[in-house]
Amino acid sequence: MTQDNSHGRRISMGGRSVVAHGLHTHFWQDIYYYAMTSSWPVFFAGVGVVFLVLNLCFAALFMLGDNPIGNLYPNNFLGAFFFSVETLATVGYGDMHPQTVYGHAIATLEIFVGMACVALITGVMFARFSRPRSSIIFAEHPVSHVMDGKRVLLIRLANSRMNIISEATAKLRLMRDESTAAMGSFRKITDMKLEREQHPIFILGWTVIHVIDESSPLFGLDADGLHKLNASLILSIEGVDDTTNQPQRARHYYPCSQIHWNHRYVDVFESNRDANSVQHIHYTRFHDSEEIVDAPEN
């Protein structure tokens, strides 16, 4: 999430916020970006404002001429505004029409602007509708416990559309504060090896597992140690939606304070099948975890 304030540009990710100073934004160069990232109400409000301003400007230009519009009604600025709306939208009811060279010139310019605006708005709306939307949901908390004598970190995922995401790939990274004499203070990013980084047909659920062994960046660190390093996890998922044949991308940011130590996820699968041998999945328990009693410390 990004926003501007009087002191700089604020960037928020998870529970961490950074305010950047000295960056200059160029609205007109990034207008497509703003059109794609704004909400639908803001987008349509912006289109409405542009439509209103253009018609007010062209109505003023028509009023500068000497009776350029035939059958102008009402015979004032409001009538010129209505004629501008008809011209900009290339409707042309025929009652009002340009009747001078000046009127034809302004109408020609306005029709050109109107056709360009319709093409641009149509293209942006299509791009907004056709943009791939992620259907992947992430558990609210990672969990960590000892499994088969090894401490593991687990994060549960689910495909809320329950269609096929082919060849889904998961990447887990640790971000932490680092300070060296040569480079000063910076955020260090370290890749974390997963037991299985790919899922051939990601339809329902997937739990990614990282073993905390000697090669792990989490080895030897507890909750207090991770807090001192201002550590956080970033899990990225990428695959291809078989329905739309479009790429699916999603990521989630976890401050390490959100890790539930010595917990495991509550099972979302119904243990007993019904009479038709149909297994049930309860996503109401998707984010739930439970503490493992008498869990070993290592």
Foldseek 3Di string as FASTA:
>chain_A
DWDADPAAIWDDADPDIDGDPDDDDDCVVCVLVCLQPDDPVVNVVVVVVVLQVVLLVLLVQVVVDDCQKPQQPPPDSVSSSVVLNCLLCVNCPPNIDTDDPSSVVSSVVSNVVSVVSVVVVVVSVVCNVPPDDAQKDWAPFWEWAADPNFIKIKIKMFRNVLAWFAWKFKWKKKWWWDADPVPGIDIDIDTFDWPDGTDGTRGTMDMTMGTQDPVGPCNPPDLVRLVVRQMKMKMKMWTAGPVSRHIHIDMHIGRSNRYHYQKDQDAQWDPDADPVRDIGGHCVRVNDIDHDPPTDDD
